[in-house]
Amino acid sequence: MTVDPIADFVLEVERFYASLISSSAAELRVAQLSILRPGISVIESSHPSESSLAGRLLYAGELNSECRALVVAANIAGAATLTASASAEAGKQAMRDGVVDFLVTTLDEALRILKNEVRKHETVAVCVGQAPETVEEQMRKRGVLPDLQHPFEVAPLKESHAILFWRVTAMPANLLPKIDAIAKDCLQQNLNDPTLAFENWESARRWLRLSPRYLGRLALGVRVLRCGKSAAALILERLRTEVEEAGIAHLIEIKRISELANQVID
């Protein structure tokens, strides 16, 4: 199988999401303080029970194609994200696609938005309409210290995990929520799977719940899910059985794929 650009983008978003959640889980084990701007806002590390980056600031760098995937992943993970682009069209397109929430002209404007949203542990993505080098120099001068900064190491697919891919070619608004519900139910049934750590279950649940919202039209009926192999086997069995019984198998493509090579492995 050759993965098309839409599916490839969703896979890239998922890889970034897994990396961000992995970083969040590691930080839960080491209490930290995060300084957004000296003298104005000091945010203590605090997370809800569901794995997320709520209350964390990510600097994603230049708003290119890779950065767009990272920002979407950060939105799903619950972070507050800062990015930059000297291209007015790139910023406007990111706004139209729902990748960023605000397009501003100065770092000070961005910090005012980010400070408020980080304090409330709300998700937000802000793009400054300046060259990244200019924004980064201003960040250094102002003492802005992000919790996370790209580039960072992308989390590899664990031996005990699998990635599922499914695509709906018709009636996605009706069919995708039903498929998502089946996947969530299968994950719930595998809570005692020793290969599925608590944060993996929580992050998978969050991904299923929020990725449709933040991917929006960028996904166009495509879903991917990282989970334990036993959960993946159960999801595949349930989906294939139920779509065949419903007579809609021709509308739904379901695969388990290799993350690195994007090849079907069963």
C-alpha atoms as a PDB file:
ATOM      1  CA  MET A   1       0.000   0.000   0.000  1.00  0.00           C
ATOM      2  CA  THR A   2       1.247   3.447  -0.885  1.00  0.00           C
ATOM      3  CA  VAL A   3      -0.058   5.867   1.708  1.00  0.00           C
ATOM      4  CA  ASP A   4      -1.545   9.004   0.136  1.00  0.00           C
ATOM      5  CA  PRO A   5      -0.646  12.529   1.342  1.00  0.00           C
ATOM      6  CA  ILE A   6      -3.721  12.825   3.576  1.00  0.00           C
ATOM      7  CA  ALA A   7      -3.083   9.533   5.368  1.00  0.00           C
ATOM      8  CA  ASP A   8       0.634  10.325   5.534  1.00  0.00           C
ATOM      9  CA  PHE A   9      -0.127  13.662   7.208  1.00  0.00           C
ATOM     10  CA  VAL A  10      -2.373  11.996   9.790  1.00  0.00           C
ATOM     11  CA  LEU A  11       0.352   9.443  10.524  1.00  0.00           C
ATOM     12  CA  GLU A  12       2.868  12.261  10.998  1.00  0.00           C
ATOM     13  CA  VAL A  13       0.498  14.049  13.376  1.00  0.00           C
ATOM     14  CA  GLU A  14       0.055  10.823  15.349  1.00  0.00           C
ATOM     15  CA  ARG A  15       3.820  10.276  15.634  1.00  0.00           C
ATOM     16  CA  PHE A  16       4.284  13.787  16.980  1.00  0.00           C
ATOM     17  CA  TYR A  17       1.346  13.271  19.351  1.00  0.00           C
ATOM     18  CA  ALA A  18       2.871  10.055  20.710  1.00  0.00           C
ATOM     19  CA  SER A  19       6.183  11.870  21.256  1.00  0.00           C
ATOM     20  CA  LEU A  20       4.531  14.781  23.064  1.00  0.00           C
ATOM     21  CA  ILE A  21       2.529  12.482  25.329  1.00  0.00           C
ATOM     22  CA  SER A  22       5.667  10.454  26.035  1.00  0.00           C
ATOM     23  CA  SER A  23       7.402  13.665  27.122  1.00  0.00           C
ATOM     24  CA  SER A  24       4.430  14.550  29.306  1.00  0.00           C
ATOM     25  CA  ALA A  25       4.451  11.143  30.986  1.00  0.00           C
ATOM     26  CA  ALA A  26       8.172  11.480  31.728  1.00  0.00           C
ATOM     27  CA  GLU A  27       7.664  14.918  33.248  1.00  0.00           C
ATOM     28  CA  LEU A  28       4.936  13.590  35.512  1.00  0.00           C
ATOM     29  CA  ARG A  29       7.709  11.658  37.230  1.00  0.00           C
ATOM     30  CA  VAL A  30       9.833  14.766  37.713  1.00  0.00           C
ATOM     31  CA  ALA A  31       8.061  17.829  39.119  1.00  0.00           C
ATOM     32  CA  GLN A  32       9.150  21.000  37.366  1.00  0.00           C
ATOM     33  CA  LEU A  33       8.409  24.716  37.227  1.00  0.00           C
ATOM     34  CA  SER A  34       7.886  26.343  33.862  1.00  0.00           C
ATOM     35  CA  ILE A  35       8.582  30.055  33.370  1.00  0.00           C
ATOM     36  CA  LEU A  36       6.651  31.637  30.529  1.00  0.00           C
ATOM     37  CA  ARG A  37       7.927  35.159  31.130  1.00  0.00           C
ATOM     38  CA  PRO A  38       9.972  36.318  34.134  1.00  0.00           C
ATOM     39  CA  GLY A  39       8.020  38.427  36.590  1.00  0.00           C
ATOM     40  CA  ILE A  40       4.708  37.789  34.884  1.00  0.00           C
ATOM     41  CA  SER A  41       3.742  34.129  34.957  1.00  0.00           C
ATOM     42  CA  VAL A  42       5.099  31.079  36.733  1.00  0.00           C
ATOM     43  CA  ILE A  43       3.106  27.933  36.016  1.00  0.00           C
ATOM     44  CA  GLU A  44       3.524  24.859  38.187  1.00  0.00           C
ATOM     45  CA  SER A  45       3.479  21.507  36.486  1.00  0.00           C
ATOM     46  CA  SER A  46      -0.004  20.107  36.911  1.00  0.00           C
ATOM     47  CA  HIS A  47      -1.853  17.538  34.839  1.00  0.00           C
ATOM     48  CA  PRO A  48      -5.363  16.100  34.868  1.00  0.00           C
ATOM     49  CA  SER A  49      -5.781  12.336  35.152  1.00  0.00           C
ATOM     50  CA  GLU A  50      -5.965  12.064  31.367  1.00  0.00           C
ATOM     51  CA  SER A  51      -2.510  12.289  29.795  1.00  0.00           C
ATOM     52  CA  SER A  52      -2.096  15.699  28.200  1.00  0.00           C
ATOM     53  CA  LEU A  53       0.185  18.711  27.899  1.00  0.00           C
ATOM     54  CA  ALA A  54      -2.286  21.078  29.524  1.00  0.00           C
ATOM     55  CA  GLY A  55      -0.418  24.050  30.971  1.00  0.00           C
ATOM     56  CA  ARG A  56       2.675  23.431  28.809  1.00  0.00           C
ATOM     57  CA  LEU A  57       4.230  25.780  26.269  1.00  0.00           C
ATOM     58  CA  LEU A  58       5.633  24.345  23.041  1.00  0.00           C
ATOM     59  CA  TYR A  59       7.711  26.362  20.596  1.00  0.00           C
ATOM     60  CA  ALA A  60       7.236  24.614  17.242  1.00  0.00           C
ATOM     61  CA  GLY A  61       9.543  26.750  15.092  1.00  0.00           C
ATOM     62  CA  GLU A  62       8.847  27.776  11.511  1.00  0.00           C
ATOM     63  CA  LEU A  63       5.334  27.105  10.220  1.00  0.00           C
ATOM     64  CA  ASN A  64       6.274  24.685   7.449  1.00  0.00           C
ATOM     65  CA  SER A  65       4.582  21.377   6.570  1.00  0.00           C
ATOM     66  CA  GLU A  66       6.288  19.465   9.396  1.00  0.00           C
ATOM     67  CA  CYS A  67       5.449  22.212  11.873  1.00  0.00           C
ATOM     68  CA  ARG A  68       1.784  22.103  10.828  1.00  0.00           C
ATOM     69  CA  ALA A  69       1.651  18.422  11.782  1.00  0.00           C
ATOM     70  CA  LEU A  70       3.380  19.169  15.088  1.00  0.00           C
ATOM     71  CA  VAL A  71       0.976  22.012  15.925  1.00  0.00           C
ATOM     72  CA  VAL A  72      -2.051  19.811  15.229  1.00  0.00           C
ATOM     73  CA  ALA A  73      -0.534  17.109  17.447  1.00  0.00           C
ATOM     74  CA  ALA A  74       0.084  19.668  20.192  1.00  0.00           C
ATOM     75  CA  ASN A  75      -3.518  20.861  19.919  1.00  0.00           C
ATOM     76  CA  ILE A  76      -4.724  17.302  20.437  1.00  0.00           C
ATOM     77  CA  ALA A  77      -2.304  16.858  23.336  1.00  0.00           C
ATOM     78  CA  GLY A  78      -3.629  20.020  24.996  1.00  0.00           C
ATOM     79  CA  ALA A  79      -0.546  22.247  24.774  1.00  0.00           C
ATOM     80  CA  ALA A  80      -0.234  25.965  24.154  1.00  0.00           C
ATOM     81  CA  THR A  81       1.849  26.360  21.014  1.00  0.00           C
ATOM     82  CA  LEU A  82       3.898  29.188  19.540  1.00  0.00           C
ATOM     83  CA  THR A  83       5.062  29.156  15.945  1.00  0.00           C
ATOM     84  CA  ALA A  84       6.377  31.743  13.497  1.00  0.00           C
ATOM     85  CA  SER A  85       6.291  32.485   9.789  1.00  0.00           C
ATOM     86  CA  ALA A  86       7.344  35.444   7.664  1.00  0.00           C
ATOM     87  CA  SER A  87       4.917  34.195   4.996  1.00  0.00           C
ATOM     88  CA  ALA A  88       1.542  35.882   5.395  1.00  0.00           C
ATOM     89  CA  GLU A  89      -0.090  33.277   3.160  1.00  0.00           C
ATOM     90  CA  ALA A  90       1.267  30.365   5.249  1.00  0.00           C
ATOM     91  CA  GLY A  91      -0.195  31.919   8.387  1.00  0.00           C
ATOM     92  CA  LYS A  92      -3.557  32.615   6.748  1.00  0.00           C
ATOM     93  CA  GLN A  93      -3.758  29.082   5.355  1.00  0.00           C
ATOM     94  CA  ALA A  94      -2.998  27.645   8.793  1.00  0.00           C
ATOM     95  CA  MET A  95      -5.847  29.751  10.176  1.00  0.00           C
ATOM     96  CA  ARG A  96      -8.235  28.552   7.455  1.00  0.00           C
ATOM     97  CA  ASP A  97      -7.288  24.924   8.116  1.00  0.00           C
ATOM     98  CA  GLY A  98      -7.752  25.314  11.867  1.00  0.00           C
ATOM     99  CA  VAL A  99      -4.095  24.559  12.584  1.00  0.00           C
ATOM    100  CA  VAL A 100      -3.567  27.826  14.492  1.00  0.00           C
ATOM    101  CA  ASP A 101      -6.091  29.897  16.423  1.00  0.00           C
ATOM    102  CA  PHE A 102      -4.419  33.307  16.266  1.00  0.00           C
ATOM    103  CA  LEU A 103      -2.214  35.058  13.726  1.00  0.00           C
ATOM    104  CA  VAL A 104      -0.481  38.060  15.314  1.00  0.00           C
ATOM    105  CA  THR A 105       2.225  40.487  14.260  1.00  0.00           C
ATOM    106  CA  THR A 106       4.426  40.630  17.368  1.00  0.00           C
ATOM    107  CA  LEU A 107       5.765  38.293  20.020  1.00  0.00           C
ATOM    108  CA  ASP A 108       4.281  40.496  22.743  1.00  0.00           C
ATOM    109  CA  GLU A 109       0.785  39.916  21.324  1.00  0.00           C
ATOM    110  CA  ALA A 110       1.449  36.177  21.223  1.00  0.00           C
ATOM    111  CA  LEU A 111       2.704  36.119  24.818  1.00  0.00           C
ATOM    112  CA  ARG A 112      -0.393  37.909  26.092  1.00  0.00           C
ATOM    113  CA  ILE A 113      -2.578  35.204  24.557  1.00  0.00           C
ATOM    114  CA  LEU A 114      -0.335  32.330  25.609  1.00  0.00           C
ATOM    115  CA  LYS A 115       0.084  33.552  29.185  1.00  0.00           C
ATOM    116  CA  ASN A 116      -3.675  33.585  29.769  1.00  0.00           C
ATOM    117  CA  GLU A 117      -4.340  30.240  28.115  1.00  0.00           C
ATOM    118  CA  VAL A 118      -1.420  28.459  29.795  1.00  0.00           C
ATOM    119  CA  ARG A 119      -2.582  29.696  33.184  1.00  0.00           C
ATOM    120  CA  LYS A 120      -6.045  28.232  32.489  1.00  0.00           C
ATOM    121  CA  HIS A 121      -4.540  25.017  31.046  1.00  0.00           C
ATOM    122  CA  GLU A 122      -6.348  25.684  27.776  1.00  0.00           C
ATOM    123  CA  THR A 123      -5.256  24.607  24.315  1.00  0.00           C
ATOM    124  CA  VAL A 124      -4.228  27.374  21.935  1.00  0.00           C
ATOM    125  CA  ALA A 125      -1.934  27.795  18.934  1.00  0.00           C
ATOM    126  CA  VAL A 126      -0.505  31.207  18.025  1.00  0.00           C
ATOM    127  CA  CYS A 127       1.537  32.152  14.961  1.00  0.00           C
ATOM    128  CA  VAL A 128       3.692  35.282  14.901  1.00  0.00           C
ATOM    129  CA  GLY A 129       3.947  36.802  11.429  1.00  0.00           C
ATOM    130  CA  GLN A 130       7.718  37.241  11.557  1.00  0.00           C
ATOM    131  CA  ALA A 131      10.753  35.181  10.598  1.00  0.00           C
ATOM    132  CA  PRO A 132      11.513  32.455  13.174  1.00  0.00           C
ATOM    133  CA  GLU A 133      15.017  33.842  13.722  1.00  0.00           C
ATOM    134  CA  THR A 134      13.553  37.212  14.691  1.00  0.00           C
ATOM    135  CA  VAL A 135      11.021  35.658  17.043  1.00  0.00           C
ATOM    136  CA  GLU A 136      13.627  33.395  18.641  1.00  0.00           C
ATOM    137  CA  GLU A 137      15.963  36.328  19.273  1.00  0.00           C
ATOM    138  CA  GLN A 138      13.113  38.232  20.926  1.00  0.00           C
ATOM    139  CA  MET A 139      12.313  35.157  23.022  1.00  0.00           C
ATOM    140  CA  ARG A 140      15.889  35.028  24.276  1.00  0.00           C
ATOM    141  CA  LYS A 141      15.882  38.720  25.151  1.00  0.00           C
ATOM    142  CA  ARG A 142      12.582  38.400  27.038  1.00  0.00           C
ATOM    143  CA  GLY A 143      13.620  35.216  28.812  1.00  0.00           C
ATOM    144  CA  VAL A 144      10.830  33.121  27.316  1.00  0.00           C
ATOM    145  CA  LEU A 145      11.553  29.471  28.150  1.00  0.00           C
ATOM    146  CA  PRO A 146       9.276  26.922  26.437  1.00  0.00           C
ATOM    147  CA  ASP A 147       8.642  23.575  28.138  1.00  0.00           C
ATOM    148  CA  LEU A 148       9.171  21.834  24.804  1.00  0.00           C
ATOM    149  CA  GLN A 149      10.938  22.973  21.666  1.00  0.00           C
ATOM    150  CA  HIS A 150      11.190  21.434  18.215  1.00  0.00           C
ATOM    151  CA  PRO A 151      13.191  19.601  16.974  1.00  0.00           C
ATOM    152  CA  PHE A 152      12.895  16.786  19.494  1.00  0.00           C
ATOM    153  CA  GLU A 153      13.140  13.013  19.292  1.00  0.00           C
ATOM    154  CA  VAL A 154      10.123  11.300  17.780  1.00  0.00           C
ATOM    155  CA  ALA A 155       8.892   8.340  19.815  1.00  0.00           C
ATOM    156  CA  PRO A 156       9.440   5.024  17.992  1.00  0.00           C
ATOM    157  CA  LEU A 157       6.731   2.419  17.728  1.00  0.00           C
ATOM    158  CA  LYS A 158       7.181  -0.035  20.608  1.00  0.00           C
ATOM    159  CA  GLU A 159       7.441  -3.731  19.851  1.00  0.00           C
ATOM    160  CA  SER A 160       4.297  -4.340  21.908  1.00  0.00           C
ATOM    161  CA  HIS A 161       2.260  -1.745  20.002  1.00  0.00           C
ATOM    162  CA  ALA A 162       0.574  -1.530  16.617  1.00  0.00           C
ATOM    163  CA  ILE A 163      -0.815   1.233  14.438  1.00  0.00           C
ATOM    164  CA  LEU A 164      -4.233   0.820  12.876  1.00  0.00           C
ATOM    165  CA  PHE A 165      -5.460   2.751   9.845  1.00  0.00           C
ATOM    166  CA  TRP A 166      -9.022   3.097   8.664  1.00  0.00           C
ATOM    167  CA  ARG A 167     -10.649   5.219   5.975  1.00  0.00           C
ATOM    168  CA  VAL A 168     -14.324   5.815   5.204  1.00  0.00           C
ATOM    169  CA  THR A 169     -15.044   6.685   1.574  1.00  0.00           C
ATOM    170  CA  ALA A 170     -18.706   7.667   2.035  1.00  0.00           C
ATOM    171  CA  MET A 171     -20.903   9.045   4.831  1.00  0.00           C
ATOM    172  CA  PRO A 172     -17.944   9.745   7.159  1.00  0.00           C
ATOM    173  CA  ALA A 173     -20.087  11.866   9.501  1.00  0.00           C
ATOM    174  CA  ASN A 174     -22.280   8.828  10.171  1.00  0.00           C
ATOM    175  CA  LEU A 175     -19.802   5.970  10.018  1.00  0.00           C
ATOM    176  CA  LEU A 176     -16.644   7.332  11.657  1.00  0.00           C
ATOM    177  CA  PRO A 177     -18.228   7.962  15.096  1.00  0.00           C
ATOM    178  CA  LYS A 178     -19.526   4.369  15.089  1.00  0.00           C
ATOM    179  CA  ILE A 179     -16.099   2.990  14.218  1.00  0.00           C
ATOM    180  CA  ASP A 180     -14.475   5.208  16.848  1.00  0.00           C
ATOM    181  CA  ALA A 181     -16.938   3.863  19.433  1.00  0.00           C
ATOM    182  CA  ILE A 182     -15.970   0.286  18.564  1.00  0.00           C
ATOM    183  CA  ALA A 183     -12.276   1.160  18.932  1.00  0.00           C
ATOM    184  CA  LYS A 184     -12.875   2.795  22.331  1.00  0.00           C
ATOM    185  CA  ASP A 185     -14.830  -0.241  23.519  1.00  0.00           C
ATOM    186  CA  CYS A 186     -12.017  -2.580  22.466  1.00  0.00           C
ATOM    187  CA  LEU A 187      -9.456  -0.424  24.265  1.00  0.00           C
ATOM    188  CA  GLN A 188     -11.599  -0.520  27.392  1.00  0.00           C
ATOM    189  CA  GLN A 189     -11.731  -4.324  27.218  1.00  0.00           C
ATOM    190  CA  ASN A 190      -7.928  -4.437  27.086  1.00  0.00           C
ATOM    191  CA  LEU A 191      -7.207  -2.307  30.131  1.00  0.00           C
ATOM    192  CA  ASN A 192      -5.554  -5.293  31.817  1.00  0.00           C
ATOM    193  CA  ASP A 193      -3.251  -5.932  28.864  1.00  0.00           C
ATOM    194  CA  PRO A 194       0.277  -5.816  30.406  1.00  0.00           C
ATOM    195  CA  THR A 195       1.666  -4.323  27.168  1.00  0.00           C
ATOM    196  CA  LEU A 196      -0.680  -1.340  27.455  1.00  0.00           C
ATOM    197  CA  ALA A 197       0.587   1.075  30.104  1.00  0.00           C
ATOM    198  CA  PHE A 198      -1.886   3.445  31.757  1.00  0.00           C
ATOM    199  CA  GLU A 199      -0.668   6.493  29.843  1.00  0.00           C
ATOM    200  CA  ASN A 200      -1.045   4.603  26.535  1.00  0.00           C
ATOM    201  CA  TRP A 201      -4.710   3.888  27.262  1.00  0.00           C
ATOM    202  CA  GLU A 202      -5.336   7.470  28.334  1.00  0.00           C
ATOM    203  CA  SER A 203      -3.489   8.961  25.367  1.00  0.00           C
ATOM    204  CA  ALA A 204      -5.268   6.622  22.926  1.00  0.00           C
ATOM    205  CA  ARG A 205      -8.632   7.638  24.382  1.00  0.00           C
ATOM    206  CA  ARG A 206      -7.714  11.309  24.122  1.00  0.00           C
ATOM    207  CA  TRP A 207      -6.514  10.819  20.547  1.00  0.00           C
ATOM    208  CA  LEU A 208      -9.772   9.168  19.501  1.00  0.00           C
ATOM    209  CA  ARG A 209     -11.815  11.879  21.188  1.00  0.00           C
ATOM    210  CA  LEU A 210      -9.949  14.980  20.006  1.00  0.00           C
ATOM    211  CA  SER A 211      -8.135  14.124  16.777  1.00  0.00           C
ATOM    212  CA  PRO A 212     -11.330  14.436  14.665  1.00  0.00           C
ATOM    213  CA  ARG A 213     -11.835  17.957  16.020  1.00  0.00           C
ATOM    214  CA  TYR A 214      -8.318  19.220  15.387  1.00  0.00           C
ATOM    215  CA  LEU A 215      -7.609  17.354  12.162  1.00  0.00           C
ATOM    216  CA  GLY A 216     -10.962  18.451  10.741  1.00  0.00           C
ATOM    217  CA  ARG A 217     -11.070  18.597   6.977  1.00  0.00           C
ATOM    218  CA  LEU A 218      -7.349  17.808   6.852  1.00  0.00           C
ATOM    219  CA  ALA A 219      -8.176  14.169   7.667  1.00  0.00           C
ATOM    220  CA  LEU A 220     -11.003  13.644   5.153  1.00  0.00           C
ATOM    221  CA  GLY A 221     -12.358  10.408   6.591  1.00  0.00           C
ATOM    222  CA  VAL A 222      -9.007   8.993   7.745  1.00  0.00           C
ATOM    223  CA  ARG A 223      -8.159   7.691  11.217  1.00  0.00           C
ATOM    224  CA  VAL A 224      -5.039   6.135  12.720  1.00  0.00           C
ATOM    225  CA  LEU A 225      -4.642   4.682  16.207  1.00  0.00           C
ATOM    226  CA  ARG A 226      -1.598   3.510  18.188  1.00  0.00           C
ATOM    227  CA  CYS A 227      -2.459   0.798  20.705  1.00  0.00           C
ATOM    228  CA  GLY A 228      -1.368  -2.541  22.175  1.00  0.00           C
ATOM    229  CA  LYS A 229      -1.249  -5.474  19.759  1.00  0.00           C
ATOM    230  CA  SER A 230      -3.996  -7.387  21.550  1.00  0.00           C
ATOM    231  CA  ALA A 231      -6.280  -4.350  21.387  1.00  0.00           C
ATOM    232  CA  ALA A 232      -5.387  -3.916  17.716  1.00  0.00           C
ATOM    233  CA  ALA A 233      -6.314  -7.528  16.964  1.00  0.00           C
ATOM    234  CA  LEU A 234      -9.647  -7.130  18.753  1.00  0.00           C
ATOM    235  CA  ILE A 235     -10.431  -3.853  16.971  1.00  0.00           C
ATOM    236  CA  LEU A 236      -9.621  -5.364  13.566  1.00  0.00           C
ATOM    237  CA  GLU A 237     -11.807  -8.402  14.265  1.00  0.00           C
ATOM    238  CA  ARG A 238     -14.737  -6.306  15.517  1.00  0.00           C
ATOM    239  CA  LEU A 239     -14.557  -3.785  12.690  1.00  0.00           C
ATOM    240  CA  ARG A 240     -14.277  -6.338   9.926  1.00  0.00           C
ATOM    241  CA  THR A 241     -17.124  -8.409  11.344  1.00  0.00           C
ATOM    242  CA  GLU A 242     -19.483  -5.485  11.899  1.00  0.00           C
ATOM    243  CA  VAL A 243     -18.872  -3.741   8.578  1.00  0.00           C
ATOM    244  CA  GLU A 244     -19.403  -6.995   6.732  1.00  0.00           C
ATOM    245  CA  GLU A 245     -22.625  -7.707   8.622  1.00  0.00           C
ATOM    246  CA  ALA A 246     -23.827  -4.166   7.907  1.00  0.00           C
ATOM    247  CA  GLY A 247     -23.048  -4.584   4.215  1.00  0.00           C
ATOM    248  CA  ILE A 248     -20.764  -1.549   4.137  1.00  0.00           C
ATOM    249  CA  ALA A 249     -17.393  -3.263   3.715  1.00  0.00           C
ATOM    250  CA  HIS A 250     -16.986  -1.548   0.340  1.00  0.00           C
ATOM    251  CA  LEU A 251     -17.093   1.841   2.075  1.00  0.00           C
ATOM    252  CA  ILE A 252     -14.418   1.205   4.709  1.00  0.00           C
ATOM    253  CA  GLU A 253     -10.711   0.394   4.339  1.00  0.00           C
ATOM    254  CA  ILE A 254      -9.132  -1.118   7.475  1.00  0.00           C
ATOM    255  CA  LYS A 255      -5.415  -1.905   7.783  1.00  0.00           C
ATOM    256  CA  ARG A 256      -2.663  -2.534  10.330  1.00  0.00           C
ATOM    257  CA  ILE A 257       0.458  -0.842   9.028  1.00  0.00           C
ATOM    258  CA  SER A 258       4.151  -0.451   9.688  1.00  0.00           C
ATOM    259  CA  GLU A 259       4.768   3.032  11.068  1.00  0.00           C
ATOM    260  CA  LEU A 260       8.199   3.441   9.501  1.00  0.00           C
ATOM    261  CA  ALA A 261       7.656   2.045   6.028  1.00  0.00           C
ATOM    262  CA  ASN A 262       3.909   2.712   5.754  1.00  0.00           C
ATOM    263  CA  GLN A 263       3.422  -0.853   4.533  1.00  0.00           C
ATOM    264  CA  VAL A 264       0.469  -3.100   5.220  1.00  0.00           C
ATOM    265  CA  ILE A 265       1.561  -5.923   7.528  1.00  0.00           C
ATOM    266  CA  ASP A 266      -1.695  -7.845   7.715  1.00  0.00           C
END
